[in-house]
Amino acid sequence: MNEAELLTEVWCILREYIKDKQQAIDHLMSTIVDIGLSDETVEELKGIDKYLDKALEEYVYVDNDDAEDYDNDDNW
């Protein structure tokens, strides 16, 4: 079982017991991204459900902002 399959399985089980699914998956993905989630895994996780997709969109948005900030550091 790879990382994406494990995360999918965990999320599919937990979401059945969680009332605020979006807040829960946002927090989970934030923690996982901080640990080091690969871009490949992000791609594999897309399409599981609307909550995970929205959390992944936020991850991609934040990741792109960080890249832009890094690119702009050369221009100070």
PDB file of N, CA and C in Angstrom:
ATOM      1  N   MET A   1       0.857  -1.177   0.000  1.00  0.00           N
ATOM      2  CA  MET A   1       0.000   0.000   0.000  1.00  0.00           C
ATOM      3  C   MET A   1       0.902   1.239   0.000  1.00  0.00           C
ATOM      4  N   ASN A   2       0.678   2.126  -0.970  1.00  0.00           N
ATOM      5  CA  ASN A   2       1.490   3.336  -1.024  1.00  0.00           C
ATOM      6  C   ASN A   2       0.872   4.445  -0.165  1.00  0.00           C
ATOM      7  N   GLU A   3       1.567   5.569  -0.112  1.00  0.00           N
ATOM      8  CA  GLU A   3       1.157   6.684   0.741  1.00  0.00           C
ATOM      9  C   GLU A   3      -0.249   7.188   0.385  1.00  0.00           C
ATOM     10  N   ALA A   4      -0.531   7.362  -0.900  1.00  0.00           N
ATOM     11  CA  ALA A   4      -1.839   7.863  -1.329  1.00  0.00           C
ATOM     12  C   ALA A   4      -2.954   6.885  -0.974  1.00  0.00           C
ATOM     13  N   GLU A   5      -2.703   5.601  -1.162  1.00  0.00           N
ATOM     14  CA  GLU A   5      -3.716   4.595  -0.819  1.00  0.00           C
ATOM     15  C   GLU A   5      -3.996   4.585   0.676  1.00  0.00           C
ATOM     16  N   LEU A   6      -2.948   4.713   1.469  1.00  0.00           N
ATOM     17  CA  LEU A   6      -3.116   4.742   2.921  1.00  0.00           C
ATOM     18  C   LEU A   6      -3.911   5.969   3.355  1.00  0.00           C
ATOM     19  N   LEU A   7      -3.553   7.129   2.837  1.00  0.00           N
ATOM     20  CA  LEU A   7      -4.270   8.358   3.190  1.00  0.00           C
ATOM     21  C   LEU A   7      -5.727   8.294   2.753  1.00  0.00           C
ATOM     22  N   THR A   8      -5.965   7.735   1.588  1.00  0.00           N
ATOM     23  CA  THR A   8      -7.338   7.587   1.098  1.00  0.00           C
ATOM     24  C   THR A   8      -8.143   6.689   2.024  1.00  0.00           C
ATOM     25  N   GLU A   9      -7.578   5.569   2.398  1.00  0.00           N
ATOM     26  CA  GLU A   9      -8.264   4.624   3.282  1.00  0.00           C
ATOM     27  C   GLU A   9      -8.571   5.258   4.638  1.00  0.00           C
ATOM     28  N   VAL A  10      -7.594   5.941   5.204  1.00  0.00           N
ATOM     29  CA  VAL A  10      -7.785   6.598   6.509  1.00  0.00           C
ATOM     30  C   VAL A  10      -8.883   7.655   6.413  1.00  0.00           C
ATOM     31  N   TRP A  11      -8.815   8.496   5.375  1.00  0.00           N
ATOM     32  CA  TRP A  11      -9.803   9.551   5.234  1.00  0.00           C
ATOM     33  C   TRP A  11     -11.210   8.984   5.029  1.00  0.00           C
ATOM     34  N   CYS A  12     -11.340   7.964   4.209  1.00  0.00           N
ATOM     35  CA  CYS A  12     -12.658   7.378   3.941  1.00  0.00           C
ATOM     36  C   CYS A  12     -13.282   6.776   5.198  1.00  0.00           C
ATOM     37  N   ILE A  13     -12.463   6.258   6.074  1.00  0.00           N
ATOM     38  CA  ILE A  13     -12.970   5.727   7.343  1.00  0.00           C
ATOM     39  C   ILE A  13     -13.347   6.868   8.285  1.00  0.00           C
ATOM     40  N   LEU A  14     -12.444   7.808   8.476  1.00  0.00           N
ATOM     41  CA  LEU A  14     -12.668   8.874   9.447  1.00  0.00           C
ATOM     42  C   LEU A  14     -13.812   9.814   9.075  1.00  0.00           C
ATOM     43  N   ARG A  15     -13.982  10.087   7.789  1.00  0.00           N
ATOM     44  CA  ARG A  15     -15.004  11.064   7.388  1.00  0.00           C
ATOM     45  C   ARG A  15     -16.412  10.622   7.775  1.00  0.00           C
ATOM     46  N   GLU A  16     -16.607   9.338   7.971  1.00  0.00           N
ATOM     47  CA  GLU A  16     -17.911   8.834   8.383  1.00  0.00           C
ATOM     48  C   GLU A  16     -18.258   9.234   9.820  1.00  0.00           C
ATOM     49  N   TYR A  17     -17.267   9.599  10.604  1.00  0.00           N
ATOM     50  CA  TYR A  17     -17.458   9.901  12.028  1.00  0.00           C
ATOM     51  C   TYR A  17     -17.241  11.369  12.366  1.00  0.00           C
ATOM     52  N   ILE A  18     -16.923  12.176  11.380  1.00  0.00           N
ATOM     53  CA  ILE A  18     -16.580  13.576  11.607  1.00  0.00           C
ATOM     54  C   ILE A  18     -17.706  14.469  11.100  1.00  0.00           C
ATOM     55  N   LYS A  19     -18.122  15.427  11.936  1.00  0.00           N
ATOM     56  CA  LYS A  19     -19.183  16.349  11.534  1.00  0.00           C
ATOM     57  C   LYS A  19     -18.653  17.426  10.596  1.00  0.00           C
ATOM     58  N   ASP A  20     -17.566  18.098  10.974  1.00  0.00           N
ATOM     59  CA  ASP A  20     -16.999  19.167  10.144  1.00  0.00           C
ATOM     60  C   ASP A  20     -15.871  18.586   9.296  1.00  0.00           C
ATOM     61  N   LYS A  21     -16.282  17.939   8.224  1.00  0.00           N
ATOM     62  CA  LYS A  21     -15.334  17.221   7.384  1.00  0.00           C
ATOM     63  C   LYS A  21     -14.281  18.145   6.759  1.00  0.00           C
ATOM     64  N   GLN A  22     -14.700  19.322   6.299  1.00  0.00           N
ATOM     65  CA  GLN A  22     -13.753  20.209   5.629  1.00  0.00           C
ATOM     66  C   GLN A  22     -12.669  20.695   6.583  1.00  0.00           C
ATOM     67  N   GLN A  23     -13.052  21.094   7.774  1.00  0.00           N
ATOM     68  CA  GLN A  23     -12.063  21.555   8.744  1.00  0.00           C
ATOM     69  C   GLN A  23     -11.122  20.411   9.117  1.00  0.00           C
ATOM     70  N   ALA A  24     -11.655  19.228   9.260  1.00  0.00           N
ATOM     71  CA  ALA A  24     -10.838  18.079   9.630  1.00  0.00           C
ATOM     72  C   ALA A  24      -9.807  17.750   8.549  1.00  0.00           C
ATOM     73  N   ILE A  25     -10.227  17.697   7.291  1.00  0.00           N
ATOM     74  CA  ILE A  25      -9.291  17.338   6.224  1.00  0.00           C
ATOM     75  C   ILE A  25      -8.318  18.477   5.956  1.00  0.00           C
ATOM     76  N   ASP A  26      -8.747  19.715   6.127  1.00  0.00           N
ATOM     77  CA  ASP A  26      -7.817  20.848   5.992  1.00  0.00           C
ATOM     78  C   ASP A  26      -6.698  20.733   7.019  1.00  0.00           C
ATOM     79  N   HIS A  27      -7.057  20.428   8.247  1.00  0.00           N
ATOM     80  CA  HIS A  27      -6.065  20.291   9.319  1.00  0.00           C
ATOM     81  C   HIS A  27      -5.151  19.099   9.053  1.00  0.00           C
ATOM     82  N   LEU A  28      -5.735  17.980   8.664  1.00  0.00           N
ATOM     83  CA  LEU A  28      -4.945  16.787   8.368  1.00  0.00           C
ATOM     84  C   LEU A  28      -3.962  17.052   7.231  1.00  0.00           C
ATOM     85  N   MET A  29      -4.430  17.658   6.146  1.00  0.00           N
ATOM     86  CA  MET A  29      -3.556  17.920   5.005  1.00  0.00           C
ATOM     87  C   MET A  29      -2.475  18.933   5.358  1.00  0.00           C
ATOM     88  N   SER A  30      -2.800  19.910   6.175  1.00  0.00           N
ATOM     89  CA  SER A  30      -1.795  20.873   6.617  1.00  0.00           C
ATOM     90  C   SER A  30      -0.663  20.172   7.355  1.00  0.00           C
ATOM     91  N   THR A  31      -1.032  19.255   8.231  1.00  0.00           N
ATOM     92  CA  THR A  31      -0.030  18.498   8.990  1.00  0.00           C
ATOM     93  C   THR A  31       0.796  17.618   8.061  1.00  0.00           C
ATOM     94  N   ILE A  32       0.141  16.941   7.143  1.00  0.00           N
ATOM     95  CA  ILE A  32       0.838  16.044   6.226  1.00  0.00           C
ATOM     96  C   ILE A  32       1.750  16.832   5.279  1.00  0.00           C
ATOM     97  N   VAL A  33       1.301  17.981   4.826  1.00  0.00           N
ATOM     98  CA  VAL A  33       2.131  18.819   3.951  1.00  0.00           C
ATOM     99  C   VAL A  33       3.373  19.287   4.696  1.00  0.00           C
ATOM    100  N   ASP A  34       3.213  19.654   5.960  1.00  0.00           N
ATOM    101  CA  ASP A  34       4.361  20.084   6.769  1.00  0.00           C
ATOM    102  C   ASP A  34       5.393  18.974   6.918  1.00  0.00           C
ATOM    103  N   ILE A  35       4.927  17.737   6.970  1.00  0.00           N
ATOM    104  CA  ILE A  35       5.830  16.589   7.094  1.00  0.00           C
ATOM    105  C   ILE A  35       6.541  16.327   5.768  1.00  0.00           C
ATOM    106  N   GLY A  36       5.887  16.642   4.659  1.00  0.00           N
ATOM    107  CA  GLY A  36       6.507  16.467   3.356  1.00  0.00           C
ATOM    108  C   GLY A  36       5.710  15.577   2.427  1.00  0.00           C
ATOM    109  N   LEU A  37       4.626  16.098   1.904  1.00  0.00           N
ATOM    110  CA  LEU A  37       3.781  15.372   0.973  1.00  0.00           C
ATOM    111  C   LEU A  37       4.299  15.601  -0.443  1.00  0.00           C
ATOM    112  N   SER A  38       4.527  14.526  -1.179  1.00  0.00           N
ATOM    113  CA  SER A  38       5.062  14.667  -2.533  1.00  0.00           C
ATOM    114  C   SER A  38       3.972  15.118  -3.504  1.00  0.00           C
ATOM    115  N   ASP A  39       4.393  15.772  -4.577  1.00  0.00           N
ATOM    116  CA  ASP A  39       3.456  16.203  -5.608  1.00  0.00           C
ATOM    117  C   ASP A  39       2.777  15.000  -6.269  1.00  0.00           C
ATOM    118  N   GLU A  40       3.491  13.909  -6.379  1.00  0.00           N
ATOM    119  CA  GLU A  40       2.908  12.688  -6.947  1.00  0.00           C
ATOM    120  C   GLU A  40       1.744  12.197  -6.102  1.00  0.00           C
ATOM    121  N   THR A  41       1.922  12.228  -4.785  1.00  0.00           N
ATOM    122  CA  THR A  41       0.862  11.783  -3.879  1.00  0.00           C
ATOM    123  C   THR A  41      -0.339  12.708  -3.978  1.00  0.00           C
ATOM    124  N   VAL A  42      -0.098  14.005  -4.083  1.00  0.00           N
ATOM    125  CA  VAL A  42      -1.186  14.974  -4.235  1.00  0.00           C
ATOM    126  C   VAL A  42      -2.006  14.627  -5.474  1.00  0.00           C
ATOM    127  N   GLU A  43      -1.345  14.341  -6.574  1.00  0.00           N
ATOM    128  CA  GLU A  43      -2.052  13.989  -7.806  1.00  0.00           C
ATOM    129  C   GLU A  43      -2.884  12.722  -7.638  1.00  0.00           C
ATOM    130  N   GLU A  44      -2.343  11.748  -6.929  1.00  0.00           N
ATOM    131  CA  GLU A  44      -3.070  10.495  -6.707  1.00  0.00           C
ATOM    132  C   GLU A  44      -4.299  10.686  -5.828  1.00  0.00           C
ATOM    133  N   LEU A  45      -4.271  11.682  -4.953  1.00  0.00           N
ATOM    134  CA  LEU A  45      -5.375  11.909  -4.018  1.00  0.00           C
ATOM    135  C   LEU A  45      -6.531  12.691  -4.626  1.00  0.00           C
ATOM    136  N   LYS A  46      -6.293  13.338  -5.748  1.00  0.00           N
ATOM    137  CA  LYS A  46      -7.345  14.138  -6.374  1.00  0.00           C
ATOM    138  C   LYS A  46      -8.490  13.255  -6.830  1.00  0.00           C
ATOM    139  N   GLY A  47      -9.723  13.741  -6.580  1.00  0.00           N
ATOM    140  CA  GLY A  47     -10.911  13.038  -7.035  1.00  0.00           C
ATOM    141  C   GLY A  47     -11.515  12.071  -6.028  1.00  0.00           C
ATOM    142  N   ILE A  48     -10.924  11.967  -4.844  1.00  0.00           N
ATOM    143  CA  ILE A  48     -11.462  11.058  -3.819  1.00  0.00           C
ATOM    144  C   ILE A  48     -12.816  11.564  -3.331  1.00  0.00           C
ATOM    145  N   ASP A  49     -12.872  12.828  -2.925  1.00  0.00           N
ATOM    146  CA  ASP A  49     -14.139  13.459  -2.571  1.00  0.00           C
ATOM    147  C   ASP A  49     -13.959  14.971  -2.572  1.00  0.00           C
ATOM    148  N   LYS A  50     -15.071  15.701  -2.445  1.00  0.00           N
ATOM    149  CA  LYS A  50     -15.031  17.157  -2.562  1.00  0.00           C
ATOM    150  C   LYS A  50     -14.237  17.815  -1.437  1.00  0.00           C
ATOM    151  N   TYR A  51     -14.244  17.232  -0.261  1.00  0.00           N
ATOM    152  CA  TYR A  51     -13.528  17.822   0.872  1.00  0.00           C
ATOM    153  C   TYR A  51     -12.013  17.713   0.666  1.00  0.00           C
ATOM    154  N   LEU A  52     -11.581  16.562   0.257  1.00  0.00           N
ATOM    155  CA  LEU A  52     -10.156  16.346   0.014  1.00  0.00           C
ATOM    156  C   LEU A  52      -9.698  17.186  -1.173  1.00  0.00           C
ATOM    157  N   ASP A  53     -10.513  17.265  -2.211  1.00  0.00           N
ATOM    158  CA  ASP A  53     -10.152  18.088  -3.366  1.00  0.00           C
ATOM    159  C   ASP A  53      -9.963  19.548  -2.971  1.00  0.00           C
ATOM    160  N   LYS A  54     -10.858  20.068  -2.136  1.00  0.00           N
ATOM    161  CA  LYS A  54     -10.742  21.462  -1.702  1.00  0.00           C
ATOM    162  C   LYS A  54      -9.481  21.660  -0.859  1.00  0.00           C
ATOM    163  N   ALA A  55      -9.180  20.719   0.021  1.00  0.00           N
ATOM    164  CA  ALA A  55      -7.969  20.803   0.836  1.00  0.00           C
ATOM    165  C   ALA A  55      -6.727  20.750  -0.053  1.00  0.00           C
ATOM    166  N   LEU A  56      -6.757  19.932  -1.083  1.00  0.00           N
ATOM    167  CA  LEU A  56      -5.624  19.835  -2.000  1.00  0.00           C
ATOM    168  C   LEU A  56      -5.469  21.106  -2.823  1.00  0.00           C
ATOM    169  N   GLU A  57      -6.578  21.727  -3.199  1.00  0.00           N
ATOM    170  CA  GLU A  57      -6.510  23.006  -3.909  1.00  0.00           C
ATOM    171  C   GLU A  57      -5.809  24.042  -3.041  1.00  0.00           C
ATOM    172  N   GLU A  58      -6.113  24.058  -1.773  1.00  0.00           N
ATOM    173  CA  GLU A  58      -5.467  24.980  -0.834  1.00  0.00           C
ATOM    174  C   GLU A  58      -3.969  24.683  -0.757  1.00  0.00           C
ATOM    175  N   TYR A  59      -3.620  23.409  -0.736  1.00  0.00           N
ATOM    176  CA  TYR A  59      -2.207  23.009  -0.701  1.00  0.00           C
ATOM    177  C   TYR A  59      -1.492  23.520  -1.947  1.00  0.00           C
ATOM    178  N   VAL A  60      -2.094  23.333  -3.115  1.00  0.00           N
ATOM    179  CA  VAL A  60      -1.476  23.776  -4.364  1.00  0.00           C
ATOM    180  C   VAL A  60      -1.364  25.293  -4.367  1.00  0.00           C
ATOM    181  N   TYR A  61      -2.399  26.001  -3.899  1.00  0.00           N
ATOM    182  CA  TYR A  61      -2.391  27.463  -3.834  1.00  0.00           C
ATOM    183  C   TYR A  61      -1.263  27.947  -2.940  1.00  0.00           C
ATOM    184  N   VAL A  62      -1.125  27.372  -1.755  1.00  0.00           N
ATOM    185  CA  VAL A  62      -0.074  27.768  -0.817  1.00  0.00           C
ATOM    186  C   VAL A  62       1.294  27.435  -1.395  1.00  0.00           C
ATOM    187  N   ASP A  63       1.433  26.272  -2.011  1.00  0.00           N
ATOM    188  CA  ASP A  63       2.694  25.853  -2.604  1.00  0.00           C
ATOM    189  C   ASP A  63       3.113  26.822  -3.706  1.00  0.00           C
ATOM    190  N   ASN A  64       2.172  27.265  -4.540  1.00  0.00           N
ATOM    191  CA  ASN A  64       2.483  28.219  -5.606  1.00  0.00           C
ATOM    192  C   ASN A  64       2.861  29.576  -5.039  1.00  0.00           C
ATOM    193  N   ASP A  65       2.210  30.009  -3.973  1.00  0.00           N
ATOM    194  CA  ASP A  65       2.566  31.275  -3.326  1.00  0.00           C
ATOM    195  C   ASP A  65       3.983  31.215  -2.786  1.00  0.00           C
ATOM    196  N   ASP A  66       4.364  30.102  -2.184  1.00  0.00           N
ATOM    197  CA  ASP A  66       5.715  29.945  -1.663  1.00  0.00           C
ATOM    198  C   ASP A  66       6.739  30.017  -2.785  1.00  0.00           C
ATOM    199  N   ALA A  67       6.444  29.413  -3.916  1.00  0.00           N
ATOM    200  CA  ALA A  67       7.354  29.443  -5.059  1.00  0.00           C
ATOM    201  C   ALA A  67       7.499  30.865  -5.583  1.00  0.00           C
ATOM    202  N   GLU A  68       6.395  31.611  -5.636  1.00  0.00           N
ATOM    203  CA  GLU A  68       6.456  32.996  -6.088  1.00  0.00           C
ATOM    204  C   GLU A  68       7.264  33.839  -5.124  1.00  0.00           C
ATOM    205  N   ASP A  69       7.076  33.648  -3.828  1.00  0.00           N
ATOM    206  CA  ASP A  69       7.848  34.386  -2.833  1.00  0.00           C
ATOM    207  C   ASP A  69       9.328  34.083  -2.974  1.00  0.00           C
ATOM    208  N   TYR A  70       9.655  32.837  -3.231  1.00  0.00           N
ATOM    209  CA  TYR A  70      11.046  32.440  -3.403  1.00  0.00           C
ATOM    210  C   TYR A  70      11.633  33.110  -4.638  1.00  0.00           C
ATOM    211  N   ASP A  71      10.879  33.134  -5.731  1.00  0.00           N
ATOM    212  CA  ASP A  71      11.340  33.767  -6.963  1.00  0.00           C
ATOM    213  C   ASP A  71      11.534  35.261  -6.764  1.00  0.00           C
ATOM    214  N   ASN A  72      10.693  35.892  -5.969  1.00  0.00           N
ATOM    215  CA  ASN A  72      10.777  37.337  -5.750  1.00  0.00           C
ATOM    216  C   ASN A  72      11.893  37.733  -4.801  1.00  0.00           C
ATOM    217  N   ASP A  73      12.454  36.806  -4.066  1.00  0.00           N
ATOM    218  CA  ASP A  73      13.535  37.117  -3.129  1.00  0.00           C
ATOM    219  C   ASP A  73      14.774  37.632  -3.841  1.00  0.00           C
ATOM    220  N   ASP A  74      14.960  37.270  -5.104  1.00  0.00           N
ATOM    221  CA  ASP A  74      16.127  37.712  -5.855  1.00  0.00           C
ATOM    222  C   ASP A  74      16.020  39.171  -6.255  1.00  0.00           C
ATOM    223  N   ASN A  75      14.854  39.744  -6.176  1.00  0.00           N
ATOM    224  CA  ASN A  75      14.626  41.102  -6.677  1.00  0.00           C
ATOM    225  C   ASN A  75      14.612  42.158  -5.578  1.00  0.00           C
ATOM    226  N   TRP A  76      15.094  41.887  -4.441  1.00  0.00           N
ATOM    227  CA  TRP A  76      15.054  42.886  -3.368  1.00  0.00           C
ATOM    228  C   TRP A  76      16.199  43.773  -3.541  1.00  0.00           C
TER     229      TRP A  76
END
